[in-house]
């Protein structure tokens, strides 16, 4: 797939995005943001959805959602997402996209949705955190994601291996729609996966970094907060630093983070620290992250000075384009289904 991108990036429209449950953190930067900027720079048409409707899949309260969306957009822009080349839109602002869910839901079974491993995992997490059952919105989340992708005619979706079942639902919806309504000339392309490194970034407590766990380092954090975060980071009792992800996951996590920002490998960073111990490892990682995020944080502070106006303009442009794309798809779908009156 990377070879195809190199040959003709204009062939691809990438659809990806985030649930706005909080400002973006270091895990987002390492796992997704840097890759999105890379694809944008390579000349692909990148479309980012801020999935505000999906915030309520597993929770009863949304909090100050407009403020969170504003923070997410500022993080995007500070990280290098260019609204002149990348479309940023919000779920709730594109009604045609959600109307497409109705015919798409007819193309999947409840059993298929219930078997989706990501749905099962997120439902279990919701029960564990809040003691609530699975909502209908969470159950149908893979179809909502299919509507996001197909409404925009996205044909390339960056995913980790654990997200492939979601994309397979999208591919199945596209395939079954074509078979049922437009077999002679398929309308929807089955989107391809752009497999990304499923990097799990750990928080200071050794669990997966997540805003909901209170263990995340936000991209906008100060240098002092960054230093405090890494001072608290869990390591182990062995003094000599080695890169052994299976045996020493917390140490390996710090080495991966530090290596990313220092432009080296975790193995080389481990060799450089050697017997200097965990204290030196934390200092090196702190310095690398502070320096690596310096320009991002400076851009973010400048953008935040007039954040409401900046974000308003970005979303107005992005929502306008997303509405044009989704409305066109919905019109086509109605015609193919014989539902134009």
C-alpha atoms as a PDB file:
ATOM      1  CA  UNK A   1       0.000   0.000   0.000  1.00  0.00           C
ATOM      2  CA  UNK A   2       2.831   2.403   0.779  1.00  0.00           C
ATOM      3  CA  UNK A   3       4.251   1.744  -2.701  1.00  0.00           C
ATOM      4  CA  UNK A   4       0.883   2.614  -4.258  1.00  0.00           C
ATOM      5  CA  UNK A   5       0.748   5.810  -2.227  1.00  0.00           C
ATOM      6  CA  UNK A   6       4.207   6.775  -3.427  1.00  0.00           C
ATOM      7  CA  UNK A   7       3.213   6.157  -7.054  1.00  0.00           C
ATOM      8  CA  UNK A   8      -0.051   8.082  -7.043  1.00  0.00           C
ATOM      9  CA  UNK A   9      -1.147   9.730  -3.776  1.00  0.00           C
ATOM     10  CA  UNK A  10      -3.997  11.539  -5.562  1.00  0.00           C
ATOM     11  CA  UNK A  11      -5.830   8.189  -5.858  1.00  0.00           C
ATOM     12  CA  UNK A  12      -6.528   8.082  -2.145  1.00  0.00           C
ATOM     13  CA  UNK A  13      -8.958   9.749   0.207  1.00  0.00           C
ATOM     14  CA  UNK A  14      -8.134   8.920   3.814  1.00  0.00           C
ATOM     15  CA  UNK A  15     -10.888   8.884   6.431  1.00  0.00           C
ATOM     16  CA  UNK A  16      -9.932   8.778  10.083  1.00  0.00           C
ATOM     17  CA  UNK A  17     -10.734  10.693  13.259  1.00  0.00           C
ATOM     18  CA  UNK A  18     -11.195  10.831  17.014  1.00  0.00           C
ATOM     19  CA  UNK A  19     -13.860  10.812  19.687  1.00  0.00           C
ATOM     20  CA  UNK A  20     -13.644  14.187  21.465  1.00  0.00           C
ATOM     21  CA  UNK A  21     -13.457  12.942  25.042  1.00  0.00           C
ATOM     22  CA  UNK A  22     -10.595  15.245  25.991  1.00  0.00           C
ATOM     23  CA  UNK A  23      -7.615  17.159  24.677  1.00  0.00           C
ATOM     24  CA  UNK A  24      -5.217  14.942  22.746  1.00  0.00           C
ATOM     25  CA  UNK A  25      -2.296  13.373  24.567  1.00  0.00           C
ATOM     26  CA  UNK A  26       1.088  11.863  23.884  1.00  0.00           C
ATOM     27  CA  UNK A  27      -0.439   8.532  22.899  1.00  0.00           C
ATOM     28  CA  UNK A  28      -2.454  10.192  20.145  1.00  0.00           C
ATOM     29  CA  UNK A  29       0.639  11.921  18.835  1.00  0.00           C
ATOM     30  CA  UNK A  30       2.693   8.745  18.623  1.00  0.00           C
ATOM     31  CA  UNK A  31      -0.077   6.448  17.373  1.00  0.00           C
ATOM     32  CA  UNK A  32      -2.017   8.604  14.896  1.00  0.00           C
ATOM     33  CA  UNK A  33      -1.262  12.319  14.608  1.00  0.00           C
ATOM     34  CA  UNK A  34       2.245  12.035  13.219  1.00  0.00           C
ATOM     35  CA  UNK A  35       1.048   9.569  10.576  1.00  0.00           C
ATOM     36  CA  UNK A  36      -1.842  11.828   9.532  1.00  0.00           C
ATOM     37  CA  UNK A  37       0.544  14.709   9.008  1.00  0.00           C
ATOM     38  CA  UNK A  38       2.785  12.385   6.971  1.00  0.00           C
ATOM     39  CA  UNK A  39      -0.112  11.362   4.704  1.00  0.00           C
ATOM     40  CA  UNK A  40      -1.185  14.985   4.296  1.00  0.00           C
ATOM     41  CA  UNK A  41       2.355  15.972   3.348  1.00  0.00           C
ATOM     42  CA  UNK A  42       2.498  13.112   0.851  1.00  0.00           C
ATOM     43  CA  UNK A  43      -0.435  14.632  -1.048  1.00  0.00           C
ATOM     44  CA  UNK A  44      -3.337  12.396  -0.006  1.00  0.00           C
ATOM     45  CA  UNK A  45      -6.813  13.858   0.534  1.00  0.00           C
ATOM     46  CA  UNK A  46      -7.153  13.473   4.308  1.00  0.00           C
ATOM     47  CA  UNK A  47     -10.560  13.803   5.993  1.00  0.00           C
ATOM     48  CA  UNK A  48     -10.708  13.923   9.797  1.00  0.00           C
ATOM     49  CA  UNK A  49     -14.000  13.401  11.614  1.00  0.00           C
ATOM     50  CA  UNK A  50     -14.398  14.635  15.167  1.00  0.00           C
ATOM     51  CA  UNK A  51     -17.003  12.067  16.182  1.00  0.00           C
ATOM     52  CA  UNK A  52     -18.971  14.062  18.728  1.00  0.00           C
ATOM     53  CA  UNK A  53     -22.033  11.790  18.524  1.00  0.00           C
ATOM     54  CA  UNK A  54     -19.817   8.869  19.488  1.00  0.00           C
ATOM     55  CA  UNK A  55     -19.043  10.467  22.853  1.00  0.00           C
ATOM     56  CA  UNK A  56     -22.425   9.226  24.080  1.00  0.00           C
ATOM     57  CA  UNK A  57     -21.930   5.619  22.982  1.00  0.00           C
ATOM     58  CA  UNK A  58     -20.789   4.631  26.464  1.00  0.00           C
ATOM     59  CA  UNK A  59     -21.494   7.549  28.778  1.00  0.00           C
ATOM     60  CA  UNK A  60     -24.431   9.594  30.028  1.00  0.00           C
ATOM     61  CA  UNK A  61     -22.720  12.986  30.205  1.00  0.00           C
ATOM     62  CA  UNK A  62     -20.784  14.747  27.469  1.00  0.00           C
ATOM     63  CA  UNK A  63     -19.219  17.422  29.648  1.00  0.00           C
ATOM     64  CA  UNK A  64     -18.344  20.707  27.957  1.00  0.00           C
ATOM     65  CA  UNK A  65     -18.282  19.206  24.475  1.00  0.00           C
ATOM     66  CA  UNK A  66     -17.750  22.480  22.540  1.00  0.00           C
ATOM     67  CA  UNK A  67     -14.688  23.218  24.674  1.00  0.00           C
ATOM     68  CA  UNK A  68     -13.291  19.725  24.143  1.00  0.00           C
ATOM     69  CA  UNK A  69     -13.844  19.904  20.375  1.00  0.00           C
ATOM     70  CA  UNK A  70     -12.033  23.249  20.367  1.00  0.00           C
ATOM     71  CA  UNK A  71      -9.067  21.708  22.180  1.00  0.00           C
ATOM     72  CA  UNK A  72      -8.922  18.773  19.755  1.00  0.00           C
ATOM     73  CA  UNK A  73      -8.897  21.086  16.723  1.00  0.00           C
ATOM     74  CA  UNK A  74      -6.148  23.203  18.280  1.00  0.00           C
ATOM     75  CA  UNK A  75      -4.127  20.038  18.883  1.00  0.00           C
ATOM     76  CA  UNK A  76      -4.615  19.036  15.237  1.00  0.00           C
ATOM     77  CA  UNK A  77      -3.449  22.403  13.955  1.00  0.00           C
ATOM     78  CA  UNK A  78      -0.504  22.586  16.334  1.00  0.00           C
ATOM     79  CA  UNK A  79       0.615  19.100  15.290  1.00  0.00           C
ATOM     80  CA  UNK A  80       0.768  20.173  11.645  1.00  0.00           C
ATOM     81  CA  UNK A  81      -2.671  19.373  10.246  1.00  0.00           C
ATOM     82  CA  UNK A  82      -3.276  21.992   7.548  1.00  0.00           C
ATOM     83  CA  UNK A  83      -6.961  22.871   6.955  1.00  0.00           C
ATOM     84  CA  UNK A  84      -6.060  23.926   3.408  1.00  0.00           C
ATOM     85  CA  UNK A  85      -5.132  20.315   2.665  1.00  0.00           C
ATOM     86  CA  UNK A  86      -7.069  18.335   5.272  1.00  0.00           C
ATOM     87  CA  UNK A  87     -10.829  18.469   5.893  1.00  0.00           C
ATOM     88  CA  UNK A  88     -11.841  18.571   9.572  1.00  0.00           C
ATOM     89  CA  UNK A  89     -15.538  18.132  10.342  1.00  0.00           C
ATOM     90  CA  UNK A  90     -17.833  17.233  13.218  1.00  0.00           C
ATOM     91  CA  UNK A  91     -20.270  14.314  13.135  1.00  0.00           C
ATOM     92  CA  UNK A  92     -23.295  16.243  14.291  1.00  0.00           C
ATOM     93  CA  UNK A  93     -22.931  18.883  11.564  1.00  0.00           C
ATOM     94  CA  UNK A  94     -23.445  16.432   8.674  1.00  0.00           C
ATOM     95  CA  UNK A  95     -27.028  15.074   8.745  1.00  0.00           C
ATOM     96  CA  UNK A  96     -26.799  13.195   5.432  1.00  0.00           C
ATOM     97  CA  UNK A  97     -24.081  11.002   6.888  1.00  0.00           C
ATOM     98  CA  UNK A  98     -26.395   9.746   9.637  1.00  0.00           C
ATOM     99  CA  UNK A  99     -29.296   9.215   7.276  1.00  0.00           C
ATOM    100  CA  UNK A 100     -27.096   6.779   5.364  1.00  0.00           C
ATOM    101  CA  UNK A 101     -26.973   4.624   8.496  1.00  0.00           C
ATOM    102  CA  UNK A 102     -30.561   3.454   7.931  1.00  0.00           C
ATOM    103  CA  UNK A 103     -29.990   1.538   4.685  1.00  0.00           C
ATOM    104  CA  UNK A 104     -26.553   0.461   5.907  1.00  0.00           C
ATOM    105  CA  UNK A 105     -28.033  -1.082   9.064  1.00  0.00           C
ATOM    106  CA  UNK A 106     -30.198  -3.299   6.867  1.00  0.00           C
ATOM    107  CA  UNK A 107     -27.048  -4.838   5.414  1.00  0.00           C
ATOM    108  CA  UNK A 108     -25.632  -6.282   8.649  1.00  0.00           C
ATOM    109  CA  UNK A 109     -27.020  -8.637  11.266  1.00  0.00           C
ATOM    110  CA  UNK A 110     -27.199  -8.153  15.004  1.00  0.00           C
ATOM    111  CA  UNK A 111     -25.072 -11.274  15.434  1.00  0.00           C
ATOM    112  CA  UNK A 112     -22.325  -9.741  13.293  1.00  0.00           C
ATOM    113  CA  UNK A 113     -22.337  -6.596  15.387  1.00  0.00           C
ATOM    114  CA  UNK A 114     -22.316  -8.515  18.663  1.00  0.00           C
ATOM    115  CA  UNK A 115     -19.311 -10.555  17.500  1.00  0.00           C
ATOM    116  CA  UNK A 116     -17.238  -7.462  16.768  1.00  0.00           C
ATOM    117  CA  UNK A 117     -14.333  -7.714  19.250  1.00  0.00           C
ATOM    118  CA  UNK A 118     -13.940  -3.959  19.637  1.00  0.00           C
ATOM    119  CA  UNK A 119     -17.636  -3.525  20.435  1.00  0.00           C
ATOM    120  CA  UNK A 120     -17.423  -6.313  23.011  1.00  0.00           C
ATOM    121  CA  UNK A 121     -14.336  -4.814  24.619  1.00  0.00           C
ATOM    122  CA  UNK A 122     -15.767  -1.296  24.753  1.00  0.00           C
ATOM    123  CA  UNK A 123     -19.065  -2.590  26.136  1.00  0.00           C
ATOM    124  CA  UNK A 124     -17.223  -4.454  28.890  1.00  0.00           C
ATOM    125  CA  UNK A 125     -15.245  -1.302  29.658  1.00  0.00           C
ATOM    126  CA  UNK A 126     -18.456   0.733  29.892  1.00  0.00           C
ATOM    127  CA  UNK A 127     -19.976  -1.801  32.282  1.00  0.00           C
ATOM    128  CA  UNK A 128     -16.810  -1.833  34.354  1.00  0.00           C
ATOM    129  CA  UNK A 129     -16.508   1.943  34.577  1.00  0.00           C
ATOM    130  CA  UNK A 130     -20.142   2.970  34.813  1.00  0.00           C
ATOM    131  CA  UNK A 131     -22.176  -0.153  35.468  1.00  0.00           C
ATOM    132  CA  UNK A 132     -24.332   0.460  32.388  1.00  0.00           C
ATOM    133  CA  UNK A 133     -25.388  -1.927  29.655  1.00  0.00           C
ATOM    134  CA  UNK A 134     -24.445  -1.650  26.013  1.00  0.00           C
ATOM    135  CA  UNK A 135     -26.260   1.195  24.281  1.00  0.00           C
ATOM    136  CA  UNK A 136     -27.778   0.746  20.849  1.00  0.00           C
ATOM    137  CA  UNK A 137     -25.375   3.396  19.604  1.00  0.00           C
ATOM    138  CA  UNK A 138     -22.382   1.404  20.818  1.00  0.00           C
ATOM    139  CA  UNK A 139     -23.743  -1.782  19.249  1.00  0.00           C
ATOM    140  CA  UNK A 140     -24.138  -0.056  15.883  1.00  0.00           C
ATOM    141  CA  UNK A 141     -20.855   1.855  16.136  1.00  0.00           C
ATOM    142  CA  UNK A 142     -19.209  -0.172  13.323  1.00  0.00           C
ATOM    143  CA  UNK A 143     -22.051   0.797  10.985  1.00  0.00           C
ATOM    144  CA  UNK A 144     -21.753   4.434  12.004  1.00  0.00           C
ATOM    145  CA  UNK A 145     -18.084   4.199  11.157  1.00  0.00           C
ATOM    146  CA  UNK A 146     -19.014   2.646   7.799  1.00  0.00           C
ATOM    147  CA  UNK A 147     -21.272   5.626   7.144  1.00  0.00           C
ATOM    148  CA  UNK A 148     -18.417   8.012   7.988  1.00  0.00           C
ATOM    149  CA  UNK A 149     -16.114   6.322   5.501  1.00  0.00           C
ATOM    150  CA  UNK A 150     -18.539   5.589   2.678  1.00  0.00           C
ATOM    151  CA  UNK A 151     -20.352   8.938   2.841  1.00  0.00           C
ATOM    152  CA  UNK A 152     -17.024  10.607   2.089  1.00  0.00           C
ATOM    153  CA  UNK A 153     -16.008   7.877  -0.389  1.00  0.00           C
ATOM    154  CA  UNK A 154     -12.918   7.216   1.679  1.00  0.00           C
ATOM    155  CA  UNK A 155     -10.872   4.439   0.126  1.00  0.00           C
ATOM    156  CA  UNK A 156      -7.991   4.244   2.587  1.00  0.00           C
ATOM    157  CA  UNK A 157      -8.321   3.933   6.369  1.00  0.00           C
ATOM    158  CA  UNK A 158      -5.306   3.934   8.721  1.00  0.00           C
ATOM    159  CA  UNK A 159      -5.920   1.229  11.315  1.00  0.00           C
ATOM    160  CA  UNK A 160      -4.089  -0.923  13.773  1.00  0.00           C
ATOM    161  CA  UNK A 161      -4.576  -4.676  13.543  1.00  0.00           C
ATOM    162  CA  UNK A 162      -7.096  -4.536  16.413  1.00  0.00           C
ATOM    163  CA  UNK A 163      -9.344  -2.229  14.380  1.00  0.00           C
ATOM    164  CA  UNK A 164      -9.543  -4.441  11.291  1.00  0.00           C
ATOM    165  CA  UNK A 165     -12.945  -5.904  12.312  1.00  0.00           C
ATOM    166  CA  UNK A 166     -14.452  -2.391  12.157  1.00  0.00           C
ATOM    167  CA  UNK A 167     -13.069  -1.865   8.682  1.00  0.00           C
ATOM    168  CA  UNK A 168     -14.293  -5.287   7.586  1.00  0.00           C
ATOM    169  CA  UNK A 169     -17.807  -4.166   8.534  1.00  0.00           C
ATOM    170  CA  UNK A 170     -17.371  -1.157   6.246  1.00  0.00           C
ATOM    171  CA  UNK A 171     -16.134  -3.377   3.443  1.00  0.00           C
ATOM    172  CA  UNK A 172     -19.084  -5.728   3.950  1.00  0.00           C
ATOM    173  CA  UNK A 173     -21.576  -2.842   3.872  1.00  0.00           C
ATOM    174  CA  UNK A 174     -20.059  -1.524   0.636  1.00  0.00           C
ATOM    175  CA  UNK A 175     -20.010  -4.973  -0.954  1.00  0.00           C
ATOM    176  CA  UNK A 176     -23.567  -5.878   0.070  1.00  0.00           C
ATOM    177  CA  UNK A 177     -24.959  -2.526  -1.029  1.00  0.00           C
ATOM    178  CA  UNK A 178     -23.370  -2.993  -4.432  1.00  0.00           C
ATOM    179  CA  UNK A 179     -24.697  -6.542  -4.718  1.00  0.00           C
ATOM    180  CA  UNK A 180     -28.212  -5.590  -3.713  1.00  0.00           C
ATOM    181  CA  UNK A 181     -28.728  -2.288  -5.485  1.00  0.00           C
ATOM    182  CA  UNK A 182     -26.116  -1.771  -8.188  1.00  0.00           C
ATOM    183  CA  UNK A 183     -24.596  -5.119  -9.134  1.00  0.00           C
ATOM    184  CA  UNK A 184     -23.982  -4.160 -12.780  1.00  0.00           C
ATOM    185  CA  UNK A 185     -21.755  -1.236 -11.843  1.00  0.00           C
ATOM    186  CA  UNK A 186     -20.598  -1.163  -8.185  1.00  0.00           C
ATOM    187  CA  UNK A 187     -21.057   2.236  -6.575  1.00  0.00           C
ATOM    188  CA  UNK A 188     -19.013   1.987  -3.375  1.00  0.00           C
ATOM    189  CA  UNK A 189     -15.340   1.038  -3.369  1.00  0.00           C
ATOM    190  CA  UNK A 190     -14.363  -1.333  -0.574  1.00  0.00           C
ATOM    191  CA  UNK A 191     -11.848   0.759   1.391  1.00  0.00           C
ATOM    192  CA  UNK A 192      -8.377  -0.612   1.992  1.00  0.00           C
ATOM    193  CA  UNK A 193      -6.611  -0.718   5.330  1.00  0.00           C
ATOM    194  CA  UNK A 194      -3.387   1.193   5.792  1.00  0.00           C
ATOM    195  CA  UNK A 195      -1.955  -0.887   8.595  1.00  0.00           C
ATOM    196  CA  UNK A 196      -0.173   1.239  11.149  1.00  0.00           C
ATOM    197  CA  UNK A 197       2.059   0.223  14.017  1.00  0.00           C
ATOM    198  CA  UNK A 198      -0.334  -0.616  16.845  1.00  0.00           C
ATOM    199  CA  UNK A 199       1.744   1.306  19.346  1.00  0.00           C
ATOM    200  CA  UNK A 200       0.287   1.220  22.836  1.00  0.00           C
ATOM    201  CA  UNK A 201       1.615   4.117  24.869  1.00  0.00           C
ATOM    202  CA  UNK A 202       1.462   3.617  28.625  1.00  0.00           C
ATOM    203  CA  UNK A 203       0.564   6.251  31.182  1.00  0.00           C
ATOM    204  CA  UNK A 204       2.606   6.972  34.282  1.00  0.00           C
ATOM    205  CA  UNK A 205       0.815   4.102  36.078  1.00  0.00           C
ATOM    206  CA  UNK A 206       1.789   1.441  33.547  1.00  0.00           C
ATOM    207  CA  UNK A 207      -1.732   1.143  32.090  1.00  0.00           C
ATOM    208  CA  UNK A 208      -2.637   2.231  28.558  1.00  0.00           C
ATOM    209  CA  UNK A 209      -2.572   6.019  28.353  1.00  0.00           C
ATOM    210  CA  UNK A 210      -6.123   7.355  28.391  1.00  0.00           C
ATOM    211  CA  UNK A 211      -7.784  10.571  29.463  1.00  0.00           C
ATOM    212  CA  UNK A 212     -10.465   8.589  31.321  1.00  0.00           C
ATOM    213  CA  UNK A 213      -7.810   6.907  33.480  1.00  0.00           C
ATOM    214  CA  UNK A 214      -6.174  10.181  34.496  1.00  0.00           C
ATOM    215  CA  UNK A 215      -2.765   8.862  33.464  1.00  0.00           C
ATOM    216  CA  UNK A 216      -2.187  10.827  30.255  1.00  0.00           C
ATOM    217  CA  UNK A 217       0.286  13.549  29.302  1.00  0.00           C
ATOM    218  CA  UNK A 218      -1.611  16.099  27.235  1.00  0.00           C
ATOM    219  CA  UNK A 219       0.167  17.561  24.239  1.00  0.00           C
ATOM    220  CA  UNK A 220      -0.542  21.041  25.612  1.00  0.00           C
ATOM    221  CA  UNK A 221       1.056  20.272  29.001  1.00  0.00           C
ATOM    222  CA  UNK A 222       3.777  22.567  30.303  1.00  0.00           C
ATOM    223  CA  UNK A 223       7.418  21.566  30.570  1.00  0.00           C
ATOM    224  CA  UNK A 224       7.070  21.312  34.345  1.00  0.00           C
ATOM    225  CA  UNK A 225       4.028  19.054  33.974  1.00  0.00           C
ATOM    226  CA  UNK A 226       5.964  16.924  31.488  1.00  0.00           C
ATOM    227  CA  UNK A 227       8.837  16.500  33.913  1.00  0.00           C
ATOM    228  CA  UNK A 228       6.444  15.637  36.750  1.00  0.00           C
ATOM    229  CA  UNK A 229       4.686  13.074  34.548  1.00  0.00           C
ATOM    230  CA  UNK A 230       7.862  11.184  33.740  1.00  0.00           C
ATOM    231  CA  UNK A 231       9.142  11.359  37.303  1.00  0.00           C
ATOM    232  CA  UNK A 232       6.015   9.400  38.298  1.00  0.00           C
ATOM    233  CA  UNK A 233       6.359   6.895  35.453  1.00  0.00           C
ATOM    234  CA  UNK A 234       6.527   3.307  36.601  1.00  0.00           C
ATOM    235  CA  UNK A 235       9.691   1.333  35.810  1.00  0.00           C
ATOM    236  CA  UNK A 236      11.108  -1.720  37.625  1.00  0.00           C
ATOM    237  CA  UNK A 237      13.810  -2.675  40.088  1.00  0.00           C
ATOM    238  CA  UNK A 238      16.537  -3.629  37.602  1.00  0.00           C
ATOM    239  CA  UNK A 239      19.156  -0.869  37.383  1.00  0.00           C
ATOM    240  CA  UNK A 240      20.640  -1.675  33.969  1.00  0.00           C
ATOM    241  CA  UNK A 241      18.392  -0.329  31.217  1.00  0.00           C
ATOM    242  CA  UNK A 242      17.545  -2.780  28.430  1.00  0.00           C
ATOM    243  CA  UNK A 243      14.879  -2.823  25.734  1.00  0.00           C
ATOM    244  CA  UNK A 244      12.814  -5.936  26.465  1.00  0.00           C
ATOM    245  CA  UNK A 245       9.144  -5.151  25.716  1.00  0.00           C
ATOM    246  CA  UNK A 246       7.798  -8.484  26.993  1.00  0.00           C
ATOM    247  CA  UNK A 247       9.813  -8.676  30.193  1.00  0.00           C
ATOM    248  CA  UNK A 248      10.065  -4.925  30.981  1.00  0.00           C
ATOM    249  CA  UNK A 249       7.011  -3.205  29.444  1.00  0.00           C
ATOM    250  CA  UNK A 250       7.204   0.036  31.454  1.00  0.00           C
ATOM    251  CA  UNK A 251      10.891   0.572  30.708  1.00  0.00           C
ATOM    252  CA  UNK A 252      10.315  -0.336  27.054  1.00  0.00           C
ATOM    253  CA  UNK A 253       7.494   2.215  26.899  1.00  0.00           C
ATOM    254  CA  UNK A 254       9.791   5.005  28.090  1.00  0.00           C
ATOM    255  CA  UNK A 255      12.474   3.931  25.643  1.00  0.00           C
ATOM    256  CA  UNK A 256      10.018   3.999  22.719  1.00  0.00           C
ATOM    257  CA  UNK A 257       8.799   7.457  23.661  1.00  0.00           C
ATOM    258  CA  UNK A 258      12.293   8.832  24.108  1.00  0.00           C
ATOM    259  CA  UNK A 259      13.557   7.220  20.901  1.00  0.00           C
ATOM    260  CA  UNK A 260      10.688   8.663  18.870  1.00  0.00           C
ATOM    261  CA  UNK A 261      11.528  12.219  19.847  1.00  0.00           C
ATOM    262  CA  UNK A 262      15.290  11.743  19.852  1.00  0.00           C
ATOM    263  CA  UNK A 263      15.286  10.256  16.357  1.00  0.00           C
ATOM    264  CA  UNK A 264      16.901   6.986  17.374  1.00  0.00           C
ATOM    265  CA  UNK A 265      15.845   3.434  18.230  1.00  0.00           C
ATOM    266  CA  UNK A 266      14.769   2.103  21.636  1.00  0.00           C
ATOM    267  CA  UNK A 267      17.676  -0.340  21.561  1.00  0.00           C
ATOM    268  CA  UNK A 268      20.232   2.406  20.905  1.00  0.00           C
ATOM    269  CA  UNK A 269      18.744   4.594  23.626  1.00  0.00           C
ATOM    270  CA  UNK A 270      18.878   1.700  26.098  1.00  0.00           C
ATOM    271  CA  UNK A 271      22.536   1.089  25.243  1.00  0.00           C
ATOM    272  CA  UNK A 272      23.338   4.783  25.749  1.00  0.00           C
ATOM    273  CA  UNK A 273      21.803   4.798  29.230  1.00  0.00           C
ATOM    274  CA  UNK A 274      23.001   1.365  30.282  1.00  0.00           C
ATOM    275  CA  UNK A 275      23.802   1.137  33.983  1.00  0.00           C
ATOM    276  CA  UNK A 276      22.840   4.765  34.708  1.00  0.00           C
ATOM    277  CA  UNK A 277      19.435   3.483  35.791  1.00  0.00           C
ATOM    278  CA  UNK A 278      15.795   4.499  35.703  1.00  0.00           C
ATOM    279  CA  UNK A 279      16.439   7.996  37.007  1.00  0.00           C
ATOM    280  CA  UNK A 280      18.679   8.783  34.058  1.00  0.00           C
ATOM    281  CA  UNK A 281      16.190   7.144  31.672  1.00  0.00           C
ATOM    282  CA  UNK A 282      13.414   9.419  32.914  1.00  0.00           C
ATOM    283  CA  UNK A 283      15.622  12.489  32.587  1.00  0.00           C
ATOM    284  CA  UNK A 284      16.603  11.583  29.014  1.00  0.00           C
ATOM    285  CA  UNK A 285      13.004  10.913  27.996  1.00  0.00           C
ATOM    286  CA  UNK A 286      11.806  14.135  29.598  1.00  0.00           C
ATOM    287  CA  UNK A 287      14.425  16.155  27.723  1.00  0.00           C
ATOM    288  CA  UNK A 288      13.570  14.449  24.419  1.00  0.00           C
ATOM    289  CA  UNK A 289       9.824  15.010  24.795  1.00  0.00           C
ATOM    290  CA  UNK A 290      10.162  18.614  25.938  1.00  0.00           C
ATOM    291  CA  UNK A 291      12.420  19.421  23.003  1.00  0.00           C
ATOM    292  CA  UNK A 292      10.387  17.369  20.542  1.00  0.00           C
ATOM    293  CA  UNK A 293       7.123  19.095  21.467  1.00  0.00           C
ATOM    294  CA  UNK A 294       8.573  22.582  21.878  1.00  0.00           C
ATOM    295  CA  UNK A 295       7.478  23.911  18.485  1.00  0.00           C
ATOM    296  CA  UNK A 296       4.084  22.163  18.667  1.00  0.00           C
ATOM    297  CA  UNK A 297       3.379  23.715  22.051  1.00  0.00           C
ATOM    298  CA  UNK A 298       4.502  27.140  20.873  1.00  0.00           C
ATOM    299  CA  UNK A 299       2.143  26.935  17.882  1.00  0.00           C
ATOM    300  CA  UNK A 300      -0.643  25.793  20.128  1.00  0.00           C
ATOM    301  CA  UNK A 301      -0.212  28.702  22.519  1.00  0.00           C
ATOM    302  CA  UNK A 302      -0.298  31.123  19.594  1.00  0.00           C
ATOM    303  CA  UNK A 303      -3.428  29.495  18.143  1.00  0.00           C
ATOM    304  CA  UNK A 304      -5.168  29.372  21.520  1.00  0.00           C
ATOM    305  CA  UNK A 305      -4.877  33.149  21.892  1.00  0.00           C
ATOM    306  CA  UNK A 306      -7.736  33.416  19.404  1.00  0.00           C
ATOM    307  CA  UNK A 307      -8.897  29.823  19.639  1.00  0.00           C
ATOM    308  CA  UNK A 308     -12.636  30.264  19.229  1.00  0.00           C
ATOM    309  CA  UNK A 309     -12.289  32.198  15.976  1.00  0.00           C
ATOM    310  CA  UNK A 310      -9.610  29.884  14.566  1.00  0.00           C
ATOM    311  CA  UNK A 311     -11.560  26.729  15.357  1.00  0.00           C
ATOM    312  CA  UNK A 312     -14.814  28.250  14.129  1.00  0.00           C
ATOM    313  CA  UNK A 313     -13.301  29.022  10.745  1.00  0.00           C
ATOM    314  CA  UNK A 314     -11.685  25.586  10.398  1.00  0.00           C
ATOM    315  CA  UNK A 315     -14.892  23.740  11.255  1.00  0.00           C
ATOM    316  CA  UNK A 316     -17.057  25.964   9.069  1.00  0.00           C
ATOM    317  CA  UNK A 317     -14.892  25.100   6.062  1.00  0.00           C
ATOM    318  CA  UNK A 318     -14.599  21.437   6.934  1.00  0.00           C
ATOM    319  CA  UNK A 319     -18.278  20.963   7.739  1.00  0.00           C
ATOM    320  CA  UNK A 320     -19.239  22.665   4.471  1.00  0.00           C
ATOM    321  CA  UNK A 321     -17.128  20.275   2.395  1.00  0.00           C
ATOM    322  CA  UNK A 322     -18.265  17.221   4.387  1.00  0.00           C
ATOM    323  CA  UNK A 323     -21.894  18.197   3.845  1.00  0.00           C
ATOM    324  CA  UNK A 324     -21.369  18.493   0.094  1.00  0.00           C
ATOM    325  CA  UNK A 325     -19.720  15.067  -0.061  1.00  0.00           C
ATOM    326  CA  UNK A 326     -22.252  13.305   2.187  1.00  0.00           C
ATOM    327  CA  UNK A 327     -25.287  14.921   0.547  1.00  0.00           C
ATOM    328  CA  UNK A 328     -24.030  13.832  -2.870  1.00  0.00           C
ATOM    329  CA  UNK A 329     -23.595  10.266  -1.631  1.00  0.00           C
ATOM    330  CA  UNK A 330     -27.056  10.232  -0.067  1.00  0.00           C
ATOM    331  CA  UNK A 331     -28.642  11.489  -3.289  1.00  0.00           C
ATOM    332  CA  UNK A 332     -26.883   8.736  -5.241  1.00  0.00           C
ATOM    333  CA  UNK A 333     -27.918   6.092  -2.720  1.00  0.00           C
ATOM    334  CA  UNK A 334     -31.557   7.150  -2.863  1.00  0.00           C
ATOM    335  CA  UNK A 335     -31.537   6.973  -6.637  1.00  0.00           C
ATOM    336  CA  UNK A 336     -29.886   3.539  -6.654  1.00  0.00           C
ATOM    337  CA  UNK A 337     -32.446   2.267  -4.125  1.00  0.00           C
ATOM    338  CA  UNK A 338     -35.364   3.710  -6.110  1.00  0.00           C
ATOM    339  CA  UNK A 339     -36.268   6.120  -3.311  1.00  0.00           C
ATOM    340  CA  UNK A 340     -36.291   9.398  -5.185  1.00  0.00           C
ATOM    341  CA  UNK A 341     -39.809  10.838  -5.223  1.00  0.00           C
END
